[in-house]
Protein backbone atom coordinates (compact mmCIF):
# COMPACT_ATOMS: atom_id res chain seq x y z
CA UNK A 1 93.87 -113.93 5.99
CA UNK A 2 93.72 -111.54 8.98
CA UNK A 3 89.92 -112.02 9.13
CA UNK A 4 90.31 -115.80 9.26
CA UNK A 5 92.92 -115.53 12.03
CA UNK A 6 90.63 -113.29 14.07
CA UNK A 7 87.70 -115.64 13.52
CA UNK A 8 89.76 -118.63 14.67
CA UNK A 9 90.91 -116.69 17.73
CA UNK A 10 87.31 -115.65 18.52
CA UNK A 11 86.08 -119.24 18.25
CA UNK A 12 88.94 -120.46 20.45
CA UNK A 13 88.23 -117.85 23.13
CA UNK A 14 84.53 -118.64 22.98
CA UNK A 15 85.28 -122.34 23.42
CA UNK A 16 87.49 -121.66 26.45
CA UNK A 17 84.89 -119.38 28.05
CA UNK A 18 82.18 -121.96 27.40
CA UNK A 19 84.29 -124.72 28.92
CA UNK A 20 85.02 -122.66 32.03
CA UNK A 21 81.34 -121.76 32.40
CA UNK A 22 80.30 -125.40 32.02
CA UNK A 23 82.93 -126.53 34.55
CA UNK A 24 81.77 -124.14 37.27
CA UNK A 25 78.03 -124.01 36.66
CA UNK A 26 76.97 -127.36 35.18
CA UNK A 27 75.11 -129.90 37.28
CA UNK A 28 76.87 -133.14 38.11
CA UNK A 29 75.55 -136.36 39.58
CA UNK A 30 74.64 -135.97 43.25
CA UNK A 31 76.65 -138.10 45.65
CA UNK A 32 75.13 -141.15 47.26
CA UNK A 33 74.75 -140.74 51.00
CA UNK A 34 77.39 -142.73 52.89
CA UNK A 35 76.14 -144.88 55.76
CA UNK A 36 78.49 -147.08 57.74
CA UNK A 37 77.77 -150.79 57.29
CA UNK A 38 77.12 -151.30 61.01
CA UNK A 39 74.22 -148.81 60.82
CA UNK A 40 72.50 -150.49 57.88
CA UNK A 41 69.52 -152.60 58.88
CA UNK A 42 66.97 -154.71 57.04
CA UNK A 43 63.45 -153.30 57.15
CA UNK A 44 60.13 -155.10 56.87
CA UNK A 45 59.03 -153.76 53.49
CA UNK A 46 55.57 -154.33 52.05
CA UNK A 47 55.79 -157.61 50.16
CA UNK A 48 55.38 -157.61 46.40
CA UNK A 49 52.08 -159.49 46.76
CA UNK A 50 50.76 -156.87 49.20
CA UNK A 51 52.06 -154.13 46.95
CA UNK A 52 50.17 -155.49 43.94
CA UNK A 53 46.93 -155.41 45.96
CA UNK A 54 47.55 -151.90 47.28
CA UNK A 55 48.75 -150.50 43.95
CA UNK A 56 45.47 -151.37 42.23
CA UNK A 57 43.71 -148.82 44.49
CA UNK A 58 46.25 -145.99 44.17
CA UNK A 59 46.35 -143.17 41.69
CA UNK A 60 49.80 -141.55 41.77
CA UNK A 61 51.42 -139.36 42.85
CA UNK A 62 51.47 -140.90 46.32
CA UNK A 63 52.53 -138.58 49.15
CA UNK A 64 53.00 -138.82 52.86
CA UNK A 65 54.69 -136.87 55.61
CA UNK A 66 56.01 -137.91 59.02
CA UNK A 67 56.57 -134.86 61.19
CA UNK A 68 58.18 -135.37 63.60
CA UNK A 69 60.34 -138.43 62.86
CA UNK A 70 63.09 -139.02 65.40
CA UNK A 71 64.71 -135.58 65.78
CA UNK A 72 63.66 -134.38 62.33
CA UNK A 73 60.95 -135.00 59.75
CA UNK A 74 60.44 -136.55 56.30
CA UNK A 75 58.23 -135.81 53.31
CA UNK A 76 58.06 -138.46 50.59
CA UNK A 77 56.80 -137.57 47.12
CA UNK A 78 55.95 -140.78 45.28
CA UNK A 79 55.92 -139.65 41.66
CA UNK A 80 54.66 -141.18 38.48
CA UNK A 81 57.81 -141.04 36.39
CA UNK A 82 57.51 -138.46 33.63
CA UNK A 83 59.30 -135.54 32.02
CA UNK A 84 56.57 -133.15 30.91
CA UNK A 85 57.25 -129.79 32.62
CA UNK A 86 53.57 -128.81 32.51
CA UNK A 87 52.41 -131.88 34.41
CA UNK A 88 50.47 -131.09 37.58
CA UNK A 89 52.72 -133.24 39.75
CA UNK A 90 55.66 -130.89 39.22
CA UNK A 91 53.59 -127.98 40.52
CA UNK A 92 52.69 -130.23 43.44
CA UNK A 93 56.37 -130.86 44.16
CA UNK A 94 57.00 -127.09 44.32
CA UNK A 95 53.97 -126.56 46.60
CA UNK A 96 54.85 -129.36 49.02
CA UNK A 97 58.51 -128.33 49.06
CA UNK A 98 57.57 -124.80 50.09
CA UNK A 99 55.14 -126.05 52.75
CA UNK A 100 57.53 -128.62 54.24
CA UNK A 101 60.61 -126.34 54.39
CA UNK A 102 63.27 -129.08 54.09
CA UNK A 103 66.89 -128.84 55.14
CA UNK A 104 68.15 -131.56 52.78
CA UNK A 105 66.88 -133.39 49.67
CA UNK A 106 67.19 -136.96 48.38
CA UNK A 107 66.39 -137.97 44.79
CA UNK A 108 66.05 -141.24 42.92
CA UNK A 109 68.65 -142.16 40.33
CA UNK A 110 72.10 -140.79 39.69
CA UNK A 111 70.97 -138.00 37.35
CA UNK A 112 74.02 -136.64 35.53
CA UNK A 113 75.40 -133.73 33.54
CA UNK A 114 73.11 -130.75 32.91
CA UNK A 115 73.80 -127.26 31.61
CA UNK A 116 71.51 -124.77 33.37
CA UNK A 117 69.63 -122.31 31.14
CA UNK A 118 70.34 -124.55 28.13
CA UNK A 119 68.73 -127.76 29.43
CA UNK A 120 65.47 -128.14 31.33
CA UNK A 121 65.96 -130.21 34.54
CA UNK A 122 62.42 -131.64 34.37
CA UNK A 123 62.70 -132.63 30.70
CA UNK A 124 66.10 -134.17 31.43
CA UNK A 125 65.60 -135.84 34.82
CA UNK A 126 61.86 -135.71 35.60
CA UNK A 127 60.86 -135.37 39.25
CA UNK A 128 64.48 -135.75 40.38
CA UNK A 129 65.38 -132.74 38.24
CA UNK A 130 62.57 -130.67 39.76
CA UNK A 131 63.66 -131.44 43.32
CA UNK A 132 67.31 -130.87 42.42
CA UNK A 133 66.43 -127.45 40.97
CA UNK A 134 64.62 -126.49 44.18
CA UNK A 135 67.51 -127.70 46.35
CA UNK A 136 70.07 -125.78 44.29
CA UNK A 137 67.96 -122.62 44.38
CA UNK A 138 67.68 -122.89 48.17
CA UNK A 139 71.39 -123.85 48.48
CA UNK A 140 70.47 -127.05 50.33
CA UNK A 141 72.43 -130.32 50.34
CA UNK A 142 71.34 -132.75 47.62
CA UNK A 143 72.04 -136.48 47.57
CA UNK A 144 70.89 -139.54 45.64
CA UNK A 145 69.23 -142.12 47.85
CA UNK A 146 70.61 -144.90 45.68
CA UNK A 147 73.38 -147.24 46.77
CA UNK A 148 76.73 -146.69 45.15
CA UNK A 149 77.15 -148.75 41.99
CA UNK A 150 79.72 -150.95 43.72
CA UNK A 151 77.51 -151.60 46.77
CA UNK A 152 74.46 -152.46 44.68
CA UNK A 153 76.36 -155.04 42.65
CA UNK A 154 77.91 -156.49 45.81
CA UNK A 155 74.42 -156.86 47.34
CA UNK A 156 73.08 -158.67 44.26
CA UNK A 157 76.15 -160.92 44.06
CA UNK A 158 75.29 -162.36 47.48
CA UNK A 159 72.53 -164.45 45.89
CA UNK A 160 73.25 -164.54 42.14
CA UNK A 161 76.18 -165.28 39.87
CA UNK A 162 78.43 -162.67 38.33
CA UNK A 163 77.00 -163.39 34.88
CA UNK A 164 73.38 -163.16 36.03
CA UNK A 165 73.99 -159.84 37.79
CA UNK A 166 75.88 -158.45 34.77
CA UNK A 167 72.98 -159.34 32.46
CA UNK A 168 70.47 -157.65 34.77
CA UNK A 169 72.53 -154.50 35.43
CA UNK A 170 73.24 -153.96 31.73
CA UNK A 171 69.70 -154.59 30.49
CA UNK A 172 67.78 -152.90 33.34
CA UNK A 173 67.54 -149.44 31.67
CA UNK A 174 66.47 -151.02 28.38
CA UNK A 175 63.79 -153.16 30.02
CA UNK A 176 62.55 -150.12 31.92
CA UNK A 177 61.92 -148.35 28.60
CA UNK A 178 60.10 -151.20 26.83
CA UNK A 179 56.32 -150.76 26.78
CA UNK A 180 53.82 -153.54 26.05
CA UNK A 181 56.71 -155.85 25.12
CA UNK A 182 57.43 -153.96 21.89
CA UNK A 183 61.15 -153.74 21.32
CA UNK A 184 62.72 -150.33 21.02
CA UNK A 185 64.08 -149.14 17.71
CA UNK A 186 67.85 -149.56 17.53
CA UNK A 187 67.70 -151.97 20.47
CA UNK A 188 71.14 -153.41 19.76
CA UNK A 189 72.68 -149.96 19.44
CA UNK A 190 71.15 -148.87 22.76
CA UNK A 191 72.34 -151.97 24.58
CA UNK A 192 75.82 -151.77 23.05
CA UNK A 193 76.16 -148.38 24.72
CA UNK A 194 74.90 -149.86 28.00
CA UNK A 195 77.51 -152.63 27.77
CA UNK A 196 80.29 -150.06 27.44
CA UNK A 197 78.95 -148.03 30.36
CA UNK A 198 77.53 -150.56 32.81
CA UNK A 199 79.55 -153.62 31.81
CA UNK A 200 82.70 -151.98 33.17
CA UNK A 201 81.45 -151.63 36.74
CA UNK A 202 83.32 -153.13 39.67
CA UNK A 203 82.09 -156.65 40.37
CA UNK A 204 80.95 -157.47 36.80
CA UNK A 205 83.69 -155.91 34.67
CA UNK A 206 84.42 -157.90 31.51
CA UNK A 207 81.67 -160.49 32.11
CA UNK A 208 79.56 -159.33 29.16
CA UNK A 209 81.31 -157.46 26.37
CA UNK A 210 78.99 -157.76 23.35
CA UNK A 211 75.44 -158.22 22.11
CA UNK A 212 76.50 -161.73 21.10
CA UNK A 213 77.26 -162.52 24.75
CA UNK A 214 73.74 -161.44 25.74
CA UNK A 215 72.15 -163.46 22.92
CA UNK A 216 74.13 -166.54 23.99
CA UNK A 217 73.23 -166.25 27.67
CA UNK A 218 69.56 -165.58 26.93
CA UNK A 219 69.25 -168.52 24.53
CA UNK A 220 70.88 -170.83 27.08
CA UNK A 221 68.99 -169.66 30.20
CA UNK A 222 65.57 -168.78 28.71
CA UNK A 223 65.13 -170.91 25.58
CA UNK A 224 61.30 -170.80 25.69
CA UNK A 225 60.94 -167.10 26.58
CA UNK A 226 60.52 -164.12 24.29
CA UNK A 227 63.66 -162.45 23.02
CA UNK A 228 65.27 -160.12 25.58
CA UNK A 229 64.67 -157.25 23.13
CA UNK A 230 60.90 -157.81 23.53
CA UNK A 231 60.98 -158.06 27.32
CA UNK A 232 60.09 -155.27 29.76
CA UNK A 233 59.31 -154.65 33.40
CA UNK A 234 55.64 -154.17 32.56
CA UNK A 235 55.18 -157.95 32.53
CA UNK A 236 56.52 -160.90 34.49
CA UNK A 237 60.28 -161.23 34.14
CA UNK A 238 61.64 -164.74 33.52
CA UNK A 239 63.62 -166.70 36.07
CA UNK A 240 66.46 -164.98 37.85
CA UNK A 241 65.81 -161.65 36.08
CA UNK A 242 62.56 -161.35 38.05
CA UNK A 243 64.34 -162.34 41.27
CA UNK A 244 67.00 -159.70 40.66
CA UNK A 245 64.37 -157.06 39.88
CA UNK A 246 62.75 -157.65 43.26
CA UNK A 247 66.04 -157.95 45.13
CA UNK A 248 67.46 -154.78 43.57
CA UNK A 249 64.38 -152.81 44.59
CA UNK A 250 64.52 -154.28 48.08
CA UNK A 251 68.15 -153.29 48.70
CA UNK A 252 67.57 -149.84 47.17
CA UNK A 253 64.53 -149.23 49.39
CA UNK A 254 66.38 -150.45 52.48
CA UNK A 255 69.24 -148.07 51.70
CA UNK A 256 66.80 -145.19 51.21
CA UNK A 257 65.24 -145.96 54.59
CA UNK A 258 68.64 -146.17 56.27
CA UNK A 259 69.55 -142.80 54.79
CA UNK A 260 66.30 -141.18 55.94
CA UNK A 261 66.60 -142.61 59.45
CA UNK A 262 70.21 -141.49 59.70
CA UNK A 263 69.39 -137.93 58.61
CA UNK A 264 66.23 -137.50 60.70
CA UNK A 265 68.18 -138.80 63.68
CA UNK A 266 70.46 -135.80 63.18
CA UNK A 267 67.53 -133.38 63.13
CA UNK A 268 67.24 -132.94 59.35
CA UNK A 269 63.97 -132.24 57.54
CA UNK A 270 64.30 -134.58 54.57
CA UNK A 271 62.42 -134.15 51.28
CA UNK A 272 62.50 -137.33 49.20
CA UNK A 273 61.41 -137.91 45.60
CA UNK A 274 60.98 -141.45 44.34
CA UNK A 275 58.82 -143.53 42.06
CA UNK A 276 55.51 -144.07 43.82
CA UNK A 277 55.98 -147.85 44.11
CA UNK A 278 58.99 -147.28 46.40
CA UNK A 279 56.98 -144.98 48.65
CA UNK A 280 54.09 -147.44 48.95
CA UNK A 281 56.45 -150.24 49.96
CA UNK A 282 58.26 -148.30 52.69
CA UNK A 283 55.38 -146.34 54.26
CA UNK A 284 54.49 -148.85 57.03
CA UNK A 285 58.08 -148.78 58.30
CA UNK A 286 57.67 -145.17 59.41
CA UNK A 287 54.50 -145.87 61.36
CA UNK A 288 56.26 -148.68 63.22
CA UNK A 289 59.47 -146.72 63.80
CA UNK A 290 57.60 -143.65 65.07
CA UNK A 291 55.43 -145.49 67.61
């Protein structure tokens, strides 16, 4: 009996120590960078037609550096999304980081919870994890270049209905994972989790609450298209889903640019990681702004 009591006490103490360690040392989602609305501007991004032409000639990763830019400088690493730690592009991130000597870092996505030493940042978050690890090691500020969830939805609601935006926001991660239009295993289970997470966001809360809601909307709006489970961003998206895909990327890229311009105007050396398509579409803006 005494042995069992000691074992229970040991496990309880271990759990408390583990919880305290996780609280103080775990990674959490980086903040989005706040920019006042009067400082946000619309930039002349490369059009999607121009991008398609340019992309056919590019082999990622796609990198460029503007030094100086305003009072600071920027280095953009346009990555091919992946999570294999041995990939050459992660060694390239380390090399360019050391050469550029940034004072602040921006990453794509919101990342999330990570336990150092137990979880690999590259395997968990890809290129964003690699840059985050470098920033934390150097004790530099780290932000996501994404809009806040609320601001992104508000931007999309300016041109599309609440229901259309809810469908897109919920299904976007699923569609991003579909390859060659082959549905993922456990598609309904995956999307049910997305409904619980994303369907509760400000601006679309309660609009879609079940797989049945998605099936109903899809059958009504896209009766001649493939099932949403067999749809992915690798091919043309039907109707307003394609419009929202382009619009979402436009407002994200404009926010990234506003963030970079704000920081370089304050003298920061900004290292940015992003999917290479984002970098291709914003590159000409820097040439124009730095004339």
